[in-house]
Amino acid sequence: MIAVNQSAKQVTPSKEDYLKAIWKVSEVRQQSEASTGDLAEALQVSPPAVSRMMKQMEQQELVAHTPYYGARLTEKGRKIALKTIRRHRLLELFLAETLGYSLHAVHAEAERLEHHISEEFEARIDALLGYPRRCPHGSPIPNDEGQVSPLQGQLLSEIESPSVLRIERVHDTDADLLAYLCASGLVPQTMIRLIHKEPFAGDLKIEVGQRRMRLSSQAAKSLIVSKQ
């Protein structure tokens, strides 16, 4: 299991959410820091609230924070972040595969549960699901040693047309957008064809199976794809 020391066990659920957000922002952008603005947007709080929390977390040696630049996880903070992310993504898959939750509903439900399950419950879910490597949105699940696979692919919005692509991952934070993507068949492992992209961040024309559709640039930023 991911080793977490005694002082780390005193970290509040709110701080776990911040640590998880720093990891996710860094993961998606492939950089070590997350800016105050990025965290405020991800957590739906004000920038001053982020700054206050960073000071507290820095005192606990969970983050290294540079004002006006960003926050970086310490090794201690990284372990807690990965533990929280592991539980969240295992819960998402459990909710989807075992309890029949829809793809756009599992994120919010896992958010409510992730801080409250025991290590034994976590281990039982992992075994029940066959030690999965991906959550239902396609994100990598850290293993019980704290190792996590690097992200693969690019944002659909960054791909040039024409291209044949496979959806690797969908962002899970906007439930309404995710519901739209699911209803359109745009879920992990689906093959699509990018036919045309309008200039200046305009709409995309794509083909899903035998169906053609237009996709906004905003929606395209929520899909990570790989070229085939």
C-alpha atoms as a PDB file:
ATOM      1  CA  MET A   1       0.000   0.000   0.000  1.00  0.00           C
ATOM      2  CA  ILE A   2       1.043   3.636  -0.455  1.00  0.00           C
ATOM      3  CA  ALA A   3       2.866   4.515   2.767  1.00  0.00           C
ATOM      4  CA  VAL A   4       1.402   7.543   4.549  1.00  0.00           C
ATOM      5  CA  ASN A   5       2.933   8.647   7.861  1.00  0.00           C
ATOM      6  CA  GLN A   6       1.042   9.551  11.028  1.00  0.00           C
ATOM      7  CA  SER A   7       1.118  13.322  10.510  1.00  0.00           C
ATOM      8  CA  ALA A   8      -0.247  12.865   6.993  1.00  0.00           C
ATOM      9  CA  LYS A   9      -3.227  11.013   8.431  1.00  0.00           C
ATOM     10  CA  GLN A  10      -4.201  14.289  10.139  1.00  0.00           C
ATOM     11  CA  VAL A  11      -4.642  16.018   6.772  1.00  0.00           C
ATOM     12  CA  THR A  12      -8.245  17.157   6.356  1.00  0.00           C
ATOM     13  CA  PRO A  13     -10.442  16.129   3.409  1.00  0.00           C
ATOM     14  CA  SER A  14     -10.225  19.734   2.157  1.00  0.00           C
ATOM     15  CA  LYS A  15      -6.451  19.546   2.035  1.00  0.00           C
ATOM     16  CA  GLU A  16      -6.629  16.166   0.325  1.00  0.00           C
ATOM     17  CA  ASP A  17      -8.778  17.849  -2.344  1.00  0.00           C
ATOM     18  CA  TYR A  18      -6.120  20.542  -2.820  1.00  0.00           C
ATOM     19  CA  LEU A  19      -3.339  17.972  -3.081  1.00  0.00           C
ATOM     20  CA  LYS A  20      -5.363  15.990  -5.597  1.00  0.00           C
ATOM     21  CA  ALA A  21      -6.055  19.154  -7.618  1.00  0.00           C
ATOM     22  CA  ILE A  22      -2.352  20.071  -7.720  1.00  0.00           C
ATOM     23  CA  TRP A  23      -1.524  16.581  -8.962  1.00  0.00           C
ATOM     24  CA  LYS A  24      -4.241  16.595 -11.618  1.00  0.00           C
ATOM     25  CA  VAL A  25      -3.317  20.049 -12.955  1.00  0.00           C
ATOM     26  CA  SER A  26       0.346  19.010 -13.082  1.00  0.00           C
ATOM     27  CA  GLU A  27      -0.577  15.680 -14.677  1.00  0.00           C
ATOM     28  CA  VAL A  28      -2.650  17.200 -17.474  1.00  0.00           C
ATOM     29  CA  ARG A  29      -0.219  20.025 -18.229  1.00  0.00           C
ATOM     30  CA  GLN A  30       2.864  17.858 -17.742  1.00  0.00           C
ATOM     31  CA  GLN A  31       4.524  20.331 -15.420  1.00  0.00           C
ATOM     32  CA  SER A  32       5.519  20.175 -11.763  1.00  0.00           C
ATOM     33  CA  GLU A  33       3.616  23.266 -10.545  1.00  0.00           C
ATOM     34  CA  ALA A  34      -0.029  24.298 -10.445  1.00  0.00           C
ATOM     35  CA  SER A  35      -0.794  28.015 -10.424  1.00  0.00           C
ATOM     36  CA  THR A  36      -3.130  29.726  -7.981  1.00  0.00           C
ATOM     37  CA  GLY A  37      -5.513  30.460 -10.854  1.00  0.00           C
ATOM     38  CA  ASP A  38      -5.512  26.834 -11.996  1.00  0.00           C
ATOM     39  CA  LEU A  39      -6.353  25.639  -8.481  1.00  0.00           C
ATOM     40  CA  ALA A  40      -9.027  28.289  -7.948  1.00  0.00           C
ATOM     41  CA  GLU A  41     -10.726  27.175 -11.181  1.00  0.00           C
ATOM     42  CA  ALA A  42     -10.371  23.460 -10.445  1.00  0.00           C
ATOM     43  CA  LEU A  43     -11.733  23.739  -6.902  1.00  0.00           C
ATOM     44  CA  GLN A  44     -14.254  26.527  -7.532  1.00  0.00           C
ATOM     45  CA  VAL A  45     -12.791  28.786  -4.830  1.00  0.00           C
ATOM     46  CA  SER A  46     -11.274  32.287  -4.830  1.00  0.00           C
ATOM     47  CA  PRO A  47      -7.542  32.884  -5.438  1.00  0.00           C
ATOM     48  CA  PRO A  48      -7.146  34.364  -1.908  1.00  0.00           C
ATOM     49  CA  ALA A  49      -8.641  31.149  -0.471  1.00  0.00           C
ATOM     50  CA  VAL A  50      -6.063  29.144  -2.426  1.00  0.00           C
ATOM     51  CA  SER A  51      -3.237  31.334  -1.127  1.00  0.00           C
ATOM     52  CA  ARG A  52      -4.375  30.899   2.481  1.00  0.00           C
ATOM     53  CA  MET A  53      -4.580  27.142   2.086  1.00  0.00           C
ATOM     54  CA  MET A  54      -1.129  27.007   0.459  1.00  0.00           C
ATOM     55  CA  LYS A  55       0.379  28.713   3.529  1.00  0.00           C
ATOM     56  CA  GLN A  56      -1.190  26.117   5.823  1.00  0.00           C
ATOM     57  CA  MET A  57      -0.098  23.221   3.629  1.00  0.00           C
ATOM     58  CA  GLU A  58       3.411  24.601   3.325  1.00  0.00           C
ATOM     59  CA  GLN A  59       3.663  24.601   7.130  1.00  0.00           C
ATOM     60  CA  GLN A  60       2.750  20.904   7.072  1.00  0.00           C
ATOM     61  CA  GLU A  61       5.404  20.304   4.380  1.00  0.00           C
ATOM     62  CA  LEU A  62       2.764  19.101   1.929  1.00  0.00           C
ATOM     63  CA  VAL A  63       3.624  21.633  -0.788  1.00  0.00           C
ATOM     64  CA  ALA A  64       6.371  24.017  -1.810  1.00  0.00           C
ATOM     65  CA  HIS A  65       4.629  27.255  -2.747  1.00  0.00           C
ATOM     66  CA  THR A  66       6.063  30.213  -4.631  1.00  0.00           C
ATOM     67  CA  PRO A  67       3.709  33.256  -4.503  1.00  0.00           C
ATOM     68  CA  TYR A  68       2.476  34.424  -7.937  1.00  0.00           C
ATOM     69  CA  TYR A  69       4.017  31.326  -9.527  1.00  0.00           C
ATOM     70  CA  GLY A  70       2.572  28.070  -8.261  1.00  0.00           C
ATOM     71  CA  ALA A  71       2.558  25.147  -5.865  1.00  0.00           C
ATOM     72  CA  ARG A  72       4.521  21.926  -6.160  1.00  0.00           C
ATOM     73  CA  LEU A  73       3.862  18.756  -4.203  1.00  0.00           C
ATOM     74  CA  THR A  74       6.499  17.604  -1.765  1.00  0.00           C
ATOM     75  CA  GLU A  75       7.140  13.863  -1.542  1.00  0.00           C
ATOM     76  CA  LYS A  76       4.855  13.767   1.501  1.00  0.00           C
ATOM     77  CA  GLY A  77       2.117  15.659  -0.365  1.00  0.00           C
ATOM     78  CA  ARG A  78       2.554  13.515  -3.460  1.00  0.00           C
ATOM     79  CA  LYS A  79       1.937  10.297  -1.501  1.00  0.00           C
ATOM     80  CA  ILE A  80      -1.304  11.667  -0.065  1.00  0.00           C
ATOM     81  CA  ALA A  81      -2.411  13.013  -3.456  1.00  0.00           C
ATOM     82  CA  LEU A  82      -1.847   9.665  -5.164  1.00  0.00           C
ATOM     83  CA  LYS A  83      -3.601   7.810  -2.346  1.00  0.00           C
ATOM     84  CA  THR A  84      -6.642  10.061  -2.756  1.00  0.00           C
ATOM     85  CA  ILE A  85      -6.602   9.797  -6.550  1.00  0.00           C
ATOM     86  CA  ARG A  86      -6.294   6.007  -6.355  1.00  0.00           C
ATOM     87  CA  ARG A  87      -9.354   5.781  -4.113  1.00  0.00           C
ATOM     88  CA  HIS A  88     -11.302   8.220  -6.270  1.00  0.00           C
ATOM     89  CA  ARG A  89     -10.652   6.377  -9.520  1.00  0.00           C
ATOM     90  CA  LEU A  90     -11.236   2.936  -8.022  1.00  0.00           C
ATOM     91  CA  LEU A  91     -14.544   4.189  -6.621  1.00  0.00           C
ATOM     92  CA  GLU A  92     -15.512   5.610 -10.020  1.00  0.00           C
ATOM     93  CA  LEU A  93     -14.927   2.243 -11.658  1.00  0.00           C
ATOM     94  CA  PHE A  94     -16.731   0.380  -8.870  1.00  0.00           C
ATOM     95  CA  LEU A  95     -19.738   2.689  -9.180  1.00  0.00           C
ATOM     96  CA  ALA A  96     -19.826   2.309 -12.965  1.00  0.00           C
ATOM     97  CA  GLU A  97     -19.179  -1.432 -13.313  1.00  0.00           C
ATOM     98  CA  THR A  98     -20.749  -2.828 -10.153  1.00  0.00           C
ATOM     99  CA  LEU A  99     -23.528  -0.395  -9.295  1.00  0.00           C
ATOM    100  CA  GLY A 100     -24.436   0.710 -12.799  1.00  0.00           C
ATOM    101  CA  TYR A 101     -23.798   4.441 -12.406  1.00  0.00           C
ATOM    102  CA  SER A 102     -23.565   6.402 -15.638  1.00  0.00           C
ATOM    103  CA  LEU A 103     -20.169   7.712 -16.704  1.00  0.00           C
ATOM    104  CA  HIS A 104     -21.102  11.346 -16.035  1.00  0.00           C
ATOM    105  CA  ALA A 105     -22.400  10.617 -12.510  1.00  0.00           C
ATOM    106  CA  VAL A 106     -19.508   8.656 -10.998  1.00  0.00           C
ATOM    107  CA  HIS A 107     -17.149  11.594 -10.440  1.00  0.00           C
ATOM    108  CA  ALA A 108     -19.390  13.502  -8.028  1.00  0.00           C
ATOM    109  CA  GLU A 109     -20.319  10.343  -6.124  1.00  0.00           C
ATOM    110  CA  ALA A 110     -16.672   9.301  -5.800  1.00  0.00           C
ATOM    111  CA  GLU A 111     -15.829  12.795  -4.529  1.00  0.00           C
ATOM    112  CA  ARG A 112     -18.233  12.246  -1.643  1.00  0.00           C
ATOM    113  CA  LEU A 113     -16.878   8.790  -0.778  1.00  0.00           C
ATOM    114  CA  GLU A 114     -13.129   8.977  -1.327  1.00  0.00           C
ATOM    115  CA  HIS A 115     -12.227  10.500   2.054  1.00  0.00           C
ATOM    116  CA  HIS A 116     -14.174   7.978   4.090  1.00  0.00           C
ATOM    117  CA  ILE A 117     -13.316   4.444   2.971  1.00  0.00           C
ATOM    118  CA  SER A 118     -10.811   2.249   4.809  1.00  0.00           C
ATOM    119  CA  GLU A 119      -7.660   0.701   3.335  1.00  0.00           C
ATOM    120  CA  GLU A 120      -9.322  -2.710   3.543  1.00  0.00           C
ATOM    121  CA  PHE A 121     -12.358  -1.497   1.585  1.00  0.00           C
ATOM    122  CA  GLU A 122     -10.038   0.041  -1.007  1.00  0.00           C
ATOM    123  CA  ALA A 123      -8.110  -3.230  -1.342  1.00  0.00           C
ATOM    124  CA  ARG A 124     -11.312  -5.259  -1.694  1.00  0.00           C
ATOM    125  CA  ILE A 125     -12.607  -2.992  -4.461  1.00  0.00           C
ATOM    126  CA  ASP A 126      -9.275  -3.282  -6.256  1.00  0.00           C
ATOM    127  CA  ALA A 127      -9.372  -7.101  -6.076  1.00  0.00           C
ATOM    128  CA  LEU A 128     -13.051  -7.286  -7.043  1.00  0.00           C
ATOM    129  CA  LEU A 129     -12.396  -5.217 -10.165  1.00  0.00           C
ATOM    130  CA  GLY A 130      -9.364  -7.314 -11.137  1.00  0.00           C
ATOM    131  CA  TYR A 131      -6.691  -4.734 -10.241  1.00  0.00           C
ATOM    132  CA  PRO A 132      -7.671  -2.264 -12.977  1.00  0.00           C
ATOM    133  CA  ARG A 133      -5.266   0.206 -14.554  1.00  0.00           C
ATOM    134  CA  ARG A 134      -7.794   2.788 -15.798  1.00  0.00           C
ATOM    135  CA  CYS A 135     -10.860   4.503 -14.392  1.00  0.00           C
ATOM    136  CA  PRO A 136     -14.030   4.635 -16.541  1.00  0.00           C
ATOM    137  CA  HIS A 137     -12.932   8.024 -17.944  1.00  0.00           C
ATOM    138  CA  GLY A 138      -9.632   6.502 -19.122  1.00  0.00           C
ATOM    139  CA  SER A 139      -7.390   8.071 -16.448  1.00  0.00           C
ATOM    140  CA  PRO A 140      -4.603   5.897 -14.981  1.00  0.00           C
ATOM    141  CA  ILE A 141      -5.213   4.438 -11.514  1.00  0.00           C
ATOM    142  CA  PRO A 142      -2.122   4.635  -9.268  1.00  0.00           C
ATOM    143  CA  ASN A 143      -1.152   1.215  -7.927  1.00  0.00           C
ATOM    144  CA  ASP A 144      -0.856   0.478  -4.221  1.00  0.00           C
ATOM    145  CA  GLU A 145       2.845   1.400  -4.318  1.00  0.00           C
ATOM    146  CA  GLY A 146       2.103   4.908  -5.550  1.00  0.00           C
ATOM    147  CA  GLN A 147       3.216   4.316  -9.132  1.00  0.00           C
ATOM    148  CA  VAL A 148       1.116   5.783 -11.920  1.00  0.00           C
ATOM    149  CA  SER A 149       1.353   5.421 -15.688  1.00  0.00           C
ATOM    150  CA  PRO A 150       2.092   8.600 -17.662  1.00  0.00           C
ATOM    151  CA  LEU A 151      -0.701  10.084 -19.732  1.00  0.00           C
ATOM    152  CA  GLN A 152      -0.788   9.210 -23.399  1.00  0.00           C
ATOM    153  CA  GLY A 153      -2.190  11.236 -26.261  1.00  0.00           C
ATOM    154  CA  GLN A 154      -3.100  14.840 -27.037  1.00  0.00           C
ATOM    155  CA  LEU A 155      -6.123  17.055 -26.651  1.00  0.00           C
ATOM    156  CA  LEU A 156      -8.443  16.645 -29.619  1.00  0.00           C
ATOM    157  CA  SER A 157      -8.419  20.443 -29.963  1.00  0.00           C
ATOM    158  CA  GLU A 158      -4.676  20.285 -30.788  1.00  0.00           C
ATOM    159  CA  ILE A 159      -4.925  17.663 -33.546  1.00  0.00           C
ATOM    160  CA  GLU A 160      -4.770  18.661 -37.204  1.00  0.00           C
ATOM    161  CA  SER A 161      -7.275  17.257 -39.671  1.00  0.00           C
ATOM    162  CA  PRO A 162      -7.729  14.829 -41.275  1.00  0.00           C
ATOM    163  CA  SER A 163      -6.853  12.196 -38.664  1.00  0.00           C
ATOM    164  CA  VAL A 164      -8.047   8.794 -37.487  1.00  0.00           C
ATOM    165  CA  LEU A 165      -8.055   8.800 -33.687  1.00  0.00           C
ATOM    166  CA  ARG A 166      -8.895   6.768 -30.624  1.00  0.00           C
ATOM    167  CA  ILE A 167     -10.315   8.439 -27.528  1.00  0.00           C
ATOM    168  CA  GLU A 168      -8.025   7.603 -24.611  1.00  0.00           C
ATOM    169  CA  ARG A 169      -9.543   9.744 -21.884  1.00  0.00           C
ATOM    170  CA  VAL A 170     -12.311  12.239 -21.151  1.00  0.00           C
ATOM    171  CA  HIS A 171     -12.090  14.953 -18.519  1.00  0.00           C
ATOM    172  CA  ASP A 172     -14.461  14.182 -15.677  1.00  0.00           C
ATOM    173  CA  THR A 173     -15.086  17.484 -13.872  1.00  0.00           C
ATOM    174  CA  ASP A 174     -17.954  18.959 -15.952  1.00  0.00           C
ATOM    175  CA  ALA A 175     -20.906  16.587 -15.514  1.00  0.00           C
ATOM    176  CA  ASP A 176     -23.104  18.323 -18.107  1.00  0.00           C
ATOM    177  CA  LEU A 177     -20.393  18.266 -20.762  1.00  0.00           C
ATOM    178  CA  LEU A 178     -19.554  14.671 -19.911  1.00  0.00           C
ATOM    179  CA  ALA A 179     -23.223  13.691 -20.231  1.00  0.00           C
ATOM    180  CA  TYR A 180     -23.259  15.303 -23.695  1.00  0.00           C
ATOM    181  CA  LEU A 181     -20.080  13.471 -24.745  1.00  0.00           C
ATOM    182  CA  CYS A 182     -21.468  10.146 -23.515  1.00  0.00           C
ATOM    183  CA  ALA A 183     -24.769  10.697 -25.341  1.00  0.00           C
ATOM    184  CA  SER A 184     -22.740  11.411 -28.492  1.00  0.00           C
ATOM    185  CA  GLY A 185     -20.767   8.174 -28.122  1.00  0.00           C
ATOM    186  CA  LEU A 186     -17.527  10.022 -27.332  1.00  0.00           C
ATOM    187  CA  VAL A 187     -16.178   7.742 -24.594  1.00  0.00           C
ATOM    188  CA  PRO A 188     -12.794   6.051 -23.991  1.00  0.00           C
ATOM    189  CA  GLN A 189     -11.641   3.509 -26.604  1.00  0.00           C
ATOM    190  CA  THR A 190     -14.051   4.858 -29.242  1.00  0.00           C
ATOM    191  CA  MET A 191     -12.557   5.369 -32.710  1.00  0.00           C
ATOM    192  CA  ILE A 192     -13.316   8.684 -34.415  1.00  0.00           C
ATOM    193  CA  ARG A 193     -12.221  10.505 -37.541  1.00  0.00           C
ATOM    194  CA  LEU A 194     -11.418  14.208 -37.489  1.00  0.00           C
ATOM    195  CA  ILE A 195     -12.606  15.473 -40.852  1.00  0.00           C
ATOM    196  CA  HIS A 196     -12.139  19.223 -40.575  1.00  0.00           C
ATOM    197  CA  LYS A 197     -11.269  21.857 -37.996  1.00  0.00           C
ATOM    198  CA  GLU A 198     -12.310  25.463 -38.378  1.00  0.00           C
ATOM    199  CA  PRO A 199      -9.482  28.007 -37.925  1.00  0.00           C
ATOM    200  CA  PHE A 200      -9.003  30.172 -34.824  1.00  0.00           C
ATOM    201  CA  ALA A 201     -10.246  27.570 -32.323  1.00  0.00           C
ATOM    202  CA  GLY A 202     -13.448  26.985 -34.235  1.00  0.00           C
ATOM    203  CA  ASP A 203     -15.720  23.940 -34.319  1.00  0.00           C
ATOM    204  CA  LEU A 204     -14.586  20.504 -35.428  1.00  0.00           C
ATOM    205  CA  LYS A 205     -16.338  18.167 -37.832  1.00  0.00           C
ATOM    206  CA  ILE A 206     -15.878  14.551 -36.768  1.00  0.00           C
ATOM    207  CA  GLU A 207     -17.155  11.119 -37.701  1.00  0.00           C
ATOM    208  CA  VAL A 208     -18.206   8.596 -35.048  1.00  0.00           C
ATOM    209  CA  GLY A 209     -19.023   5.270 -36.660  1.00  0.00           C
ATOM    210  CA  GLN A 210     -21.270   6.139 -39.604  1.00  0.00           C
ATOM    211  CA  ARG A 211     -22.447   9.417 -38.059  1.00  0.00           C
ATOM    212  CA  ARG A 212     -21.011  12.859 -38.656  1.00  0.00           C
ATOM    213  CA  MET A 213     -21.332  15.651 -36.126  1.00  0.00           C
ATOM    214  CA  ARG A 214     -19.985  19.057 -35.183  1.00  0.00           C
ATOM    215  CA  LEU A 215     -18.089  19.429 -31.926  1.00  0.00           C
ATOM    216  CA  SER A 216     -17.273  22.706 -30.202  1.00  0.00           C
ATOM    217  CA  SER A 217     -13.687  23.617 -29.409  1.00  0.00           C
ATOM    218  CA  GLN A 218     -14.606  23.584 -25.699  1.00  0.00           C
ATOM    219  CA  ALA A 219     -15.790  19.979 -25.937  1.00  0.00           C
ATOM    220  CA  ALA A 220     -12.684  19.055 -27.946  1.00  0.00           C
ATOM    221  CA  LYS A 221     -10.515  20.254 -25.045  1.00  0.00           C
ATOM    222  CA  SER A 222     -12.142  17.595 -22.859  1.00  0.00           C
ATOM    223  CA  LEU A 223     -11.044  14.672 -25.039  1.00  0.00           C
ATOM    224  CA  ILE A 224      -7.563  13.168 -25.046  1.00  0.00           C
ATOM    225  CA  VAL A 225      -6.897  11.136 -28.177  1.00  0.00           C
ATOM    226  CA  SER A 226      -4.128   9.140 -29.840  1.00  0.00           C
ATOM    227  CA  LYS A 227      -3.431   8.872 -33.546  1.00  0.00           C
ATOM    228  CA  GLN A 228      -3.983   5.483 -35.178  1.00  0.00           C
END
